[in-house]
Amino acid sequence: MNQSFPKILVLVVLAIIFSNSFIYVIKETERGVKLHFGRITEADIPPGLHFKWPLADKVRKFDARVLTLDAEPNSFLTREKKRLIVDAFAKWRIKDVEVYYKATGGDEAVAHARLGDRVNDGLRNQFGTRTLHEVVSGERDALMHNITQQLNKTVTQSLGVEVVDVRVKRIDLPSEVSEQVFRRMQAEREKEARELRSIGKEAAEEIRADADRQETVIAANAYKESEQLRGAGDAKATAIYANAYSKDPEFYAFTRSLKAYNNAFSSKGDILLVEPDSEFFRYLKNSKGQSGN
């Protein structure tokens, strides 16, 4: 029993190796071709378990999923001869396995290189018939759709692949052009700022002049009104005084004399030379202001 076990194990291993030489599996995510001494005998093998002849047959498997071609940024000219740096990518998958194998040898890097050249050619043709505004915003979707359709007319037959979509990630101006555009934009903004400042100063001067005018008018009206009120008050006071003094002229003369005495003797250092019989001392001699005679 113990001596026969190694023999059985060797037979099992040999059977597994032998079966692997006859059997191969194609996954759902794969496409494959079978070669008989280097010649394609079966193309586009469906997923599942399959048989082959050892040594004589060889199976090549390829990724059947949608793959991404991230192309290097390239320079293109628009219809106005403006140079742009375009960074784009393409989504593609294998459609005809036999053509794909014959065109690329089953090497995905070779497929990317050849497909990348065709994508750049398509972008160059599409950008060359459009303006800068159209490729940046106006017709980008139409541009991508046209590129995809045109690529599929050629790459399916030449490379055996199908382009699912082409998209532009970024569009830049060359560095020297970007600097010029930046300086022009800066100059335009500075010009706009100067115009706005000029408009603001003009509006400020108008507001200031209007305020000064209103101040002058208000002050003049106030002065006019005050003078009118003062004149009316003086006239009313004069009328009151005249009415009061007309009732007793002697009392009016007496109060005016008292004011004169107060003003004349307000300072101790004042010297007043007046004749004794002067009218100035009229009420000092007699309270009624009558002369001694």
Foldseek 3Di string as FASTA:
>chain_A
DVVCVVVVVVVVVVVVVVVVQFKDFADPQKFKFKAFQNHTPGGRDHGDMGTDHGPRIDMDIAGFDWDKQFADFDWAAALVRAIKTWGKMWIKGAAGRVLQCVQQVRDVVSVSVVLNVLLVVLLNVLRHHHDPCCCVPNPVVVSFVVSQVVSQVPCCNNNRMHTPTMHIPDMGGPPVVVVVVVVVVVVVVVVVVVVVVVVVVVVVVVVVVVVVVVVVVVVVVVVVVVVVVVVVVVVVVVVVVVVVCVVPVQVVVLVVLVVVVCVQPVDVPHDDDDDPPDLSCQCVVPVSSDDPD
